[in-house]
Amino acid sequence: NSPSDVNLASLLSSSELAATSVFT
């Protein structure tokens, strides 16, 4: 549950989730 590396797809999804949380 705490990987040392994360792929781009996961980073994009989690980035958009975080942005949504901040902006809304």
PDB file of all heavy atoms in Angstrom:
ATOM      1  N   ASN A   1       0.807  -1.220   0.000  1.00  0.00           N
ATOM      2  CA  ASN A   1       0.000   0.000   0.000  1.00  0.00           C
ATOM      3  C   ASN A   1       0.839   1.268   0.000  1.00  0.00           C
ATOM      4  O   ASN A   1       0.301   2.374  -0.063  1.00  0.00           O
ATOM      5  CB  ASN A   1      -0.939   0.008   1.215  1.00  0.00           C
ATOM      6  CG  ASN A   1      -1.933  -1.119   1.168  1.00  0.00           C
ATOM      7  OD1 ASN A   1      -2.480  -1.416   0.112  1.00  0.00           O
ATOM      8  ND2 ASN A   1      -2.158  -1.769   2.298  1.00  0.00           N
ATOM      9  N   SER A   2       2.152   1.141   0.100  1.00  0.00           N
ATOM     10  CA  SER A   2       3.051   2.289   0.069  1.00  0.00           C
ATOM     11  C   SER A   2       4.180   1.998  -0.923  1.00  0.00           C
ATOM     12  O   SER A   2       5.316   1.773  -0.539  1.00  0.00           O
ATOM     13  CB  SER A   2       3.631   2.570   1.460  1.00  0.00           C
ATOM     14  OG  SER A   2       2.617   2.909   2.360  1.00  0.00           O
ATOM     15  N   PRO A   3       3.872   1.940  -2.209  1.00  0.00           N
ATOM     16  CA  PRO A   3       4.873   1.565  -3.193  1.00  0.00           C
ATOM     17  C   PRO A   3       5.964   2.608  -3.310  1.00  0.00           C
ATOM     18  O   PRO A   3       5.749   3.791  -3.074  1.00  0.00           O
ATOM     19  CB  PRO A   3       4.062   1.478  -4.497  1.00  0.00           C
ATOM     20  CG  PRO A   3       2.907   2.393  -4.274  1.00  0.00           C
ATOM     21  CD  PRO A   3       2.575   2.285  -2.811  1.00  0.00           C
ATOM     22  N   SER A   4       7.172   2.143  -3.692  1.00  0.00           N
ATOM     23  CA  SER A   4       8.290   3.062  -3.856  1.00  0.00           C
ATOM     24  C   SER A   4       8.231   3.768  -5.196  1.00  0.00           C
ATOM     25  O   SER A   4       8.925   4.749  -5.420  1.00  0.00           O
ATOM     26  CB  SER A   4       9.613   2.303  -3.730  1.00  0.00           C
ATOM     27  OG  SER A   4       9.685   1.289  -4.721  1.00  0.00           O
ATOM     28  N   ASP A   5       7.405   3.264  -6.114  1.00  0.00           N
ATOM     29  CA  ASP A   5       7.292   3.883  -7.423  1.00  0.00           C
ATOM     30  C   ASP A   5       5.835   3.828  -7.850  1.00  0.00           C
ATOM     31  O   ASP A   5       5.112   2.890  -7.536  1.00  0.00           O
ATOM     32  CB  ASP A   5       8.172   3.145  -8.438  1.00  0.00           C
ATOM     33  CG  ASP A   5       8.324   3.924  -9.731  1.00  0.00           C
ATOM     34  OD1 ASP A   5       8.154   5.163  -9.690  1.00  0.00           O
ATOM     35  OD2 ASP A   5       8.604   3.303 -10.771  1.00  0.00           O
ATOM     36  N   VAL A   6       5.385   4.850  -8.546  1.00  0.00           N
ATOM     37  CA  VAL A   6       4.006   4.938  -8.988  1.00  0.00           C
ATOM     38  C   VAL A   6       4.001   5.278 -10.466  1.00  0.00           C
ATOM     39  O   VAL A   6       4.783   6.117 -10.919  1.00  0.00           O
ATOM     40  CB  VAL A   6       3.238   6.021  -8.193  1.00  0.00           C
ATOM     41  CG1 VAL A   6       1.770   6.037  -8.594  1.00  0.00           C
ATOM     42  CG2 VAL A   6       3.374   5.785  -6.701  1.00  0.00           C
ATOM     43  N   ASN A   7       3.120   4.618 -11.236  1.00  0.00           N
ATOM     44  CA  ASN A   7       3.123   4.873 -12.672  1.00  0.00           C
ATOM     45  C   ASN A   7       2.414   6.188 -12.995  1.00  0.00           C
ATOM     46  O   ASN A   7       1.733   6.780 -12.161  1.00  0.00           O
ATOM     47  CB  ASN A   7       2.509   3.700 -13.433  1.00  0.00           C
ATOM     48  CG  ASN A   7       1.059   3.440 -13.070  1.00  0.00           C
ATOM     49  OD1 ASN A   7       0.288   4.367 -12.814  1.00  0.00           O
ATOM     50  ND2 ASN A   7       0.672   2.163 -13.053  1.00  0.00           N
ATOM     51  N   LEU A   8       2.576   6.630 -14.225  1.00  0.00           N
ATOM     52  CA  LEU A   8       2.040   7.924 -14.640  1.00  0.00           C
ATOM     53  C   LEU A   8       0.524   7.971 -14.552  1.00  0.00           C
ATOM     54  O   LEU A   8      -0.058   8.999 -14.184  1.00  0.00           O
ATOM     55  CB  LEU A   8       2.499   8.243 -16.059  1.00  0.00           C
ATOM     56  CG  LEU A   8       3.977   8.587 -16.242  1.00  0.00           C
ATOM     57  CD1 LEU A   8       4.333   8.671 -17.720  1.00  0.00           C
ATOM     58  CD2 LEU A   8       4.307   9.909 -15.548  1.00  0.00           C
ATOM     59  N   ALA A   9      -0.127   6.866 -14.904  1.00  0.00           N
ATOM     60  CA  ALA A   9      -1.589   6.847 -14.858  1.00  0.00           C
ATOM     61  C   ALA A   9      -2.102   7.090 -13.445  1.00  0.00           C
ATOM     62  O   ALA A   9      -3.039   7.867 -13.231  1.00  0.00           O
ATOM     63  CB  ALA A   9      -2.102   5.514 -15.402  1.00  0.00           C
ATOM     64  N   SER A  10      -1.484   6.441 -12.470  1.00  0.00           N
ATOM     65  CA  SER A  10      -1.907   6.632 -11.084  1.00  0.00           C
ATOM     66  C   SER A  10      -1.615   8.046 -10.604  1.00  0.00           C
ATOM     67  O   SER A  10      -2.408   8.647  -9.878  1.00  0.00           O
ATOM     68  CB  SER A  10      -1.197   5.619 -10.177  1.00  0.00           C
ATOM     69  OG  SER A  10      -1.590   4.305 -10.497  1.00  0.00           O
ATOM     70  N   LEU A  11      -0.478   8.579 -11.023  1.00  0.00           N
ATOM     71  CA  LEU A  11      -0.130   9.945 -10.638  1.00  0.00           C
ATOM     72  C   LEU A  11      -1.114  10.949 -11.222  1.00  0.00           C
ATOM     73  O   LEU A  11      -1.512  11.906 -10.544  1.00  0.00           O
ATOM     74  CB  LEU A  11       1.286  10.271 -11.093  1.00  0.00           C
ATOM     75  CG  LEU A  11       2.415   9.640 -10.282  1.00  0.00           C
ATOM     76  CD1 LEU A  11       3.741   9.787 -11.016  1.00  0.00           C
ATOM     77  CD2 LEU A  11       2.509  10.271  -8.894  1.00  0.00           C
ATOM     78  N   LEU A  12      -1.542  10.732 -12.463  1.00  0.00           N
ATOM     79  CA  LEU A  12      -2.492  11.655 -13.074  1.00  0.00           C
ATOM     80  C   LEU A  12      -3.841  11.591 -12.361  1.00  0.00           C
ATOM     81  O   LEU A  12      -4.428  12.626 -12.021  1.00  0.00           O
ATOM     82  CB  LEU A  12      -2.661  11.334 -14.560  1.00  0.00           C
ATOM     83  CG  LEU A  12      -3.708  12.158 -15.318  1.00  0.00           C
ATOM     84  CD1 LEU A  12      -3.475  13.660 -15.132  1.00  0.00           C
ATOM     85  CD2 LEU A  12      -3.718  11.789 -16.803  1.00  0.00           C
ATOM     86  N   SER A  13      -4.335  10.388 -12.116  1.00  0.00           N
ATOM     87  CA  SER A  13      -5.631  10.252 -11.445  1.00  0.00           C
ATOM     88  C   SER A  13      -5.609  10.868 -10.051  1.00  0.00           C
ATOM     89  O   SER A  13      -6.523  11.598  -9.663  1.00  0.00           O
ATOM     90  CB  SER A  13      -6.016   8.773 -11.353  1.00  0.00           C
ATOM     91  OG  SER A  13      -6.220   8.218 -12.636  1.00  0.00           O
ATOM     92  N   SER A  14      -4.534  10.599  -9.303  1.00  0.00           N
ATOM     93  CA  SER A  14      -4.468  11.141  -7.944  1.00  0.00           C
ATOM     94  C   SER A  14      -4.258  12.652  -7.959  1.00  0.00           C
ATOM     95  O   SER A  14      -4.752  13.362  -7.085  1.00  0.00           O
ATOM     96  CB  SER A  14      -3.355  10.450  -7.153  1.00  0.00           C
ATOM     97  OG  SER A  14      -2.105  10.592  -7.784  1.00  0.00           O
ATOM     98  N   SER A  15      -3.561  13.168  -8.961  1.00  0.00           N
ATOM     99  CA  SER A  15      -3.376  14.618  -9.090  1.00  0.00           C
ATOM    100  C   SER A  15      -4.701  15.309  -9.372  1.00  0.00           C
ATOM    101  O   SER A  15      -5.009  16.366  -8.803  1.00  0.00           O
ATOM    102  CB  SER A  15      -2.379  14.930 -10.201  1.00  0.00           C
ATOM    103  OG  SER A  15      -1.085  14.496  -9.873  1.00  0.00           O
ATOM    104  N   GLU A  16      -5.501  14.727 -10.246  1.00  0.00           N
ATOM    105  CA  GLU A  16      -6.796  15.321 -10.551  1.00  0.00           C
ATOM    106  C   GLU A  16      -7.739  15.228  -9.355  1.00  0.00           C
ATOM    107  O   GLU A  16      -8.531  16.160  -9.108  1.00  0.00           O
ATOM    108  CB  GLU A  16      -7.404  14.642 -11.776  1.00  0.00           C
ATOM    109  CG  GLU A  16      -6.643  14.948 -13.059  1.00  0.00           C
ATOM    110  CD  GLU A  16      -7.293  14.402 -14.306  1.00  0.00           C
ATOM    111  OE1 GLU A  16      -8.242  13.596 -14.194  1.00  0.00           O
ATOM    112  OE2 GLU A  16      -6.859  14.781 -15.411  1.00  0.00           O
ATOM    113  N   LEU A  17      -7.652  14.134  -8.620  1.00  0.00           N
ATOM    114  CA  LEU A  17      -8.448  14.011  -7.395  1.00  0.00           C
ATOM    115  C   LEU A  17      -8.076  15.096  -6.403  1.00  0.00           C
ATOM    116  O   LEU A  17      -8.949  15.755  -5.815  1.00  0.00           O
ATOM    117  CB  LEU A  17      -8.241  12.639  -6.772  1.00  0.00           C
ATOM    118  CG  LEU A  17      -8.871  12.425  -5.391  1.00  0.00           C
ATOM    119  CD1 LEU A  17     -10.387  12.517  -5.462  1.00  0.00           C
ATOM    120  CD2 LEU A  17      -8.447  11.091  -4.800  1.00  0.00           C
ATOM    121  N   ALA A  18      -6.772  15.309  -6.213  1.00  0.00           N
ATOM    122  CA  ALA A  18      -6.322  16.325  -5.261  1.00  0.00           C
ATOM    123  C   ALA A  18      -6.730  17.718  -5.717  1.00  0.00           C
ATOM    124  O   ALA A  18      -7.168  18.546  -4.911  1.00  0.00           O
ATOM    125  CB  ALA A  18      -4.807  16.240  -5.082  1.00  0.00           C
ATOM    126  N   ALA A  19      -6.597  17.997  -7.018  1.00  0.00           N
ATOM    127  CA  ALA A  19      -7.000  19.307  -7.545  1.00  0.00           C
ATOM    128  C   ALA A  19      -8.493  19.524  -7.339  1.00  0.00           C
ATOM    129  O   ALA A  19      -8.941  20.621  -6.966  1.00  0.00           O
ATOM    130  CB  ALA A  19      -6.640  19.416  -9.022  1.00  0.00           C
ATOM    131  N   THR A  20      -9.285  18.485  -7.581  1.00  0.00           N
ATOM    132  CA  THR A  20     -10.728  18.582  -7.362  1.00  0.00           C
ATOM    133  C   THR A  20     -11.040  18.913  -5.910  1.00  0.00           C
ATOM    134  O   THR A  20     -11.880  19.772  -5.613  1.00  0.00           O
ATOM    135  CB  THR A  20     -11.409  17.264  -7.768  1.00  0.00           C
ATOM    136  OG1 THR A  20     -11.269  17.071  -9.172  1.00  0.00           O
ATOM    137  CG2 THR A  20     -12.882  17.265  -7.399  1.00  0.00           C
ATOM    138  N   SER A  21     -10.343  18.243  -4.996  1.00  0.00           N
ATOM    139  CA  SER A  21     -10.553  18.496  -3.571  1.00  0.00           C
ATOM    140  C   SER A  21     -10.245  19.945  -3.215  1.00  0.00           C
ATOM    141  O   SER A  21     -10.997  20.594  -2.481  1.00  0.00           O
ATOM    142  CB  SER A  21      -9.672  17.553  -2.752  1.00  0.00           C
ATOM    143  OG  SER A  21      -9.740  17.862  -1.375  1.00  0.00           O
ATOM    144  N   VAL A  22      -9.155  20.468  -3.749  1.00  0.00           N
ATOM    145  CA  VAL A  22      -8.723  21.827  -3.435  1.00  0.00           C
ATOM    146  C   VAL A  22      -9.683  22.860  -4.019  1.00  0.00           C
ATOM    147  O   VAL A  22     -10.064  23.830  -3.345  1.00  0.00           O
ATOM    148  CB  VAL A  22      -7.290  22.058  -3.940  1.00  0.00           C
ATOM    149  CG1 VAL A  22      -6.926  23.528  -3.874  1.00  0.00           C
ATOM    150  CG2 VAL A  22      -6.299  21.223  -3.146  1.00  0.00           C
ATOM    151  N   PHE A  23     -10.088  22.667  -5.272  1.00  0.00           N
ATOM    152  CA  PHE A  23     -10.876  23.680  -5.974  1.00  0.00           C
ATOM    153  C   PHE A  23     -12.362  23.632  -5.652  1.00  0.00           C
ATOM    154  O   PHE A  23     -13.072  24.610  -5.911  1.00  0.00           O
ATOM    155  CB  PHE A  23     -10.681  23.545  -7.486  1.00  0.00           C
ATOM    156  CG  PHE A  23      -9.485  24.280  -8.018  1.00  0.00           C
ATOM    157  CD1 PHE A  23      -8.247  23.682  -8.019  1.00  0.00           C
ATOM    158  CD2 PHE A  23      -9.593  25.570  -8.507  1.00  0.00           C
ATOM    159  CE1 PHE A  23      -7.120  24.345  -8.499  1.00  0.00           C
ATOM    160  CE2 PHE A  23      -8.487  26.250  -8.985  1.00  0.00           C
ATOM    161  CZ  PHE A  23      -7.240  25.645  -8.980  1.00  0.00           C
ATOM    162  N   THR A  24     -12.853  22.526  -5.123  1.00  0.00           N
ATOM    163  CA  THR A  24     -14.298  22.416  -4.899  1.00  0.00           C
ATOM    164  C   THR A  24     -14.667  22.164  -3.442  1.00  0.00           C
ATOM    165  O   THR A  24     -15.831  21.922  -3.154  1.00  0.00           O
ATOM    166  CB  THR A  24     -14.890  21.278  -5.768  1.00  0.00           C
ATOM    167  OG1 THR A  24     -14.406  20.006  -5.292  1.00  0.00           O
ATOM    168  CG2 THR A  24     -14.508  21.447  -7.231  1.00  0.00           C
TER     169      THR A  24
END
